[in-house]
Every structure is written in C-alpha cells, then in structure tokens.
C-alpha cells in the first residue's frame, strides 16, 4: 500500500498544483480583462478627443479661408479707393489753376499776370479776364 499511498499523494499534489495554476490563470485573466477594459476606455476617450481636435481644425481652416477671402476683398476695395483718390487729386489739381485765375482776374489781374502765375494760355487768360475781371462784368 505504500506505492498506492505514494501514488495518491502524487495525484493529490498534481491536483492541488493544477487547481493552484487554474486559480492563478483565472486571476491573471481577470487582471487582463480589467486592463483591457481600462485600455478600451482610454482608447474611446482618445478617439473622441481626436474627433474634437479634427472638428476644431476644420473650423479653423474654414475661418482661415473666410479671413483670406475677406482680406482679398479689402485689398481690392483699398486699390479702388486709392485709384479714386488719385483721380480726384488729379481733377483737383487740374481745376486749381482756373480757380486761382478766376480769383486773380476778379481781383484785377491782367492777361500777362494770369499767363505767368497760373500757367494759362493767352486765350484762356483773356477769357478769364473777360468773364471775371472787374471791367468784364456784364448785366443782362
């Protein structure tokens, strides 16, 4: 019976070792399952954050494109205004000799003075003296 007792003891030891290994495996499986759950949660959070960042980037790109178009429109408007200002300045400088000549003729300047001071032609100066000179006023 000693051999039977030894065999029983060995089988019991193997059974205990098997149960112990099964318990350790079950514990490891539970730990892995819990870790997997935490990792799944973190992955879901990371994916959600990535979607938010992606949406924010899309909004920023749209805003940037809109701002770029706005800048282009402002540049075009500024160019038109600059051209208009230049035209108005040219028109004002072109009208200036006649305004000055009219005032001088009204104050009694002669044809020679209008030609020299305002750069008018002799015909223009004569017309200014006739229209605006002190002796050129006519009543109807």
Protein backbone atom coordinates (compact mmCIF):
# COMPACT_ATOMS: atom_id res chain seq x y z
CA UNK A 1 0.00 0.00 0.00
CA UNK A 2 2.82 2.30 0.24
CA UNK A 3 3.02 2.53 -3.51
CA UNK A 4 -0.71 3.27 -3.63
CA UNK A 5 -0.36 5.87 -0.91
CA UNK A 6 2.58 7.43 -2.72
CA UNK A 7 0.62 7.45 -5.98
CA UNK A 8 -2.37 9.01 -4.22
CA UNK A 9 -0.14 11.63 -2.65
CA UNK A 10 1.40 12.41 -6.06
CA UNK A 11 -2.05 12.63 -7.67
CA UNK A 12 -3.25 14.85 -4.84
CA UNK A 13 -0.18 17.08 -5.27
CA UNK A 14 -0.79 17.24 -9.02
CA UNK A 15 -4.45 18.06 -8.42
CA UNK A 16 -3.54 20.80 -5.92
CA UNK A 17 -0.91 22.17 -8.32
CA UNK A 18 -3.48 22.07 -11.13
CA UNK A 19 -6.03 23.92 -9.00
CA UNK A 20 -3.39 26.40 -7.95
CA UNK A 21 -2.39 27.00 -11.59
CA UNK A 22 -6.05 27.29 -12.60
CA UNK A 23 -6.59 29.86 -9.85
CA UNK A 24 -3.52 31.82 -10.94
CA UNK A 25 -4.63 31.71 -14.57
CA UNK A 26 -8.13 32.84 -13.64
CA UNK A 27 -6.68 35.72 -11.60
CA UNK A 28 -4.37 36.71 -14.47
CA UNK A 29 -7.31 36.50 -16.92
CA UNK A 30 -9.40 38.83 -14.69
CA UNK A 31 -6.48 41.27 -14.44
CA UNK A 32 -6.03 41.23 -18.22
CA UNK A 33 -9.76 41.71 -18.71
CA UNK A 34 -9.74 44.72 -16.34
CA UNK A 35 -6.67 46.16 -18.10
CA UNK A 36 -8.37 45.60 -21.45
CA UNK A 37 -11.44 47.47 -20.20
CA UNK A 38 -9.35 50.41 -18.99
CA UNK A 39 -7.43 50.49 -22.27
CA UNK A 40 -10.68 50.37 -24.23
CA UNK A 41 -11.98 53.32 -22.21
CA UNK A 42 -8.77 55.27 -22.80
CA UNK A 43 -8.91 54.45 -26.49
CA UNK A 44 -12.51 55.67 -26.69
CA UNK A 45 -11.53 58.92 -24.91
CA UNK A 46 -8.56 59.39 -27.26
CA UNK A 47 -10.77 58.82 -30.31
CA UNK A 48 -13.32 61.32 -29.00
CA UNK A 49 -10.58 63.87 -28.35
CA UNK A 50 -9.18 63.26 -31.83
CA UNK A 51 -12.65 63.91 -33.33
CA UNK A 52 -12.91 67.17 -31.35
CA UNK A 53 -9.47 68.29 -32.50
CA UNK A 54 -10.34 67.34 -36.06
CA UNK A 55 -13.57 69.35 -35.88
CA UNK A 56 -11.69 72.31 -34.39
CA UNK A 57 -9.11 72.13 -37.15
CA UNK A 58 -11.86 72.04 -39.76
CA UNK A 59 -13.47 75.10 -38.20
CA UNK A 60 -10.13 76.91 -38.08
CA UNK A 61 -9.42 76.08 -41.71
CA UNK A 62 -12.85 77.36 -42.73
CA UNK A 63 -12.36 80.53 -40.70
CA UNK A 64 -8.91 80.98 -42.18
CA UNK A 65 -10.25 80.61 -45.72
CA UNK A 66 -13.02 83.10 -44.93
CA UNK A 67 -10.50 85.53 -43.47
CA UNK A 68 -8.32 85.15 -46.54
CA UNK A 69 -11.23 85.95 -48.83
CA UNK A 70 -12.09 88.94 -46.63
CA UNK A 71 -8.51 90.21 -46.88
CA UNK A 72 -8.60 89.86 -50.68
CA UNK A 73 -11.86 91.85 -50.81
CA UNK A 74 -10.39 94.54 -48.54
CA UNK A 75 -7.28 94.76 -50.71
CA UNK A 76 -9.43 95.15 -53.83
CA UNK A 77 -11.52 97.83 -52.14
CA UNK A 78 -8.40 99.64 -50.98
CA UNK A 79 -6.99 99.54 -54.52
CA UNK A 80 -10.23 101.02 -55.92
CA UNK A 81 -10.25 103.74 -53.26
CA UNK A 82 -6.60 104.58 -53.93
CA UNK A 83 -7.30 104.86 -57.67
CA UNK A 84 -10.34 107.04 -56.99
CA UNK A 85 -8.35 109.27 -54.64
CA UNK A 86 -5.64 109.66 -57.27
CA UNK A 87 -8.26 110.62 -59.89
CA UNK A 88 -9.81 113.16 -57.52
CA UNK A 89 -6.40 114.63 -56.74
CA UNK A 90 -5.65 114.93 -60.47
CA UNK A 91 -9.02 116.56 -61.07
CA UNK A 92 -8.49 118.97 -58.17
CA UNK A 93 -5.02 119.90 -59.37
CA UNK A 94 -6.36 120.37 -62.92
CA UNK A 95 -9.14 122.69 -61.67
CA UNK A 96 -6.83 124.64 -59.37
CA UNK A 97 -5.24 126.96 -61.99
CA UNK A 98 -8.67 128.03 -63.22
CA UNK A 99 -9.95 128.69 -59.72
CA UNK A 100 -6.81 130.69 -58.93
CA UNK A 101 -7.04 132.53 -62.26
CA UNK A 102 -10.71 133.37 -61.64
CA UNK A 103 -9.86 134.80 -58.22
CA UNK A 104 -6.90 136.79 -59.57
CA UNK A 105 -8.95 138.16 -62.50
CA UNK A 106 -11.67 139.18 -60.09
CA UNK A 107 -9.01 140.97 -58.01
CA UNK A 108 -7.86 142.89 -61.09
CA UNK A 109 -5.01 140.80 -62.55
CA UNK A 110 -4.30 141.31 -66.26
CA UNK A 111 -3.80 138.70 -69.01
CA UNK A 112 0.00 138.72 -68.71
CA UNK A 113 -0.17 138.08 -64.93
CA UNK A 114 -2.62 135.15 -65.38
CA UNK A 115 -0.36 133.56 -68.02
CA UNK A 116 2.73 133.85 -65.79
CA UNK A 117 1.10 132.98 -62.44
CA UNK A 118 -1.39 130.23 -63.39
CA UNK A 119 0.23 128.75 -66.49
CA UNK A 120 -2.78 129.51 -68.68
CA UNK A 121 -2.56 130.06 -72.41
CA UNK A 122 -3.07 133.63 -73.64
CA UNK A 123 -6.58 132.74 -74.90
CA UNK A 124 -7.54 131.19 -71.56
CA UNK A 125 -6.19 134.22 -69.68
CA UNK A 126 -8.12 136.63 -71.94
CA UNK A 127 -11.31 134.63 -71.37
CA UNK A 128 -10.78 134.71 -67.58
CA UNK A 129 -10.27 138.48 -67.64
CA UNK A 130 -13.42 138.94 -69.77
CA UNK A 131 -15.50 136.67 -67.52
CA UNK A 132 -14.17 137.52 -64.08
CA UNK A 133 -12.28 140.78 -64.48
CA UNK A 134 -13.52 143.98 -62.89
CA UNK A 135 -14.39 145.53 -66.21
CA UNK A 136 -15.79 142.29 -67.67
CA UNK A 137 -18.95 142.04 -65.59
CA UNK A 138 -21.98 142.48 -67.78
CA UNK A 139 -25.55 142.79 -66.71
CA UNK A 140 -28.32 141.37 -68.77
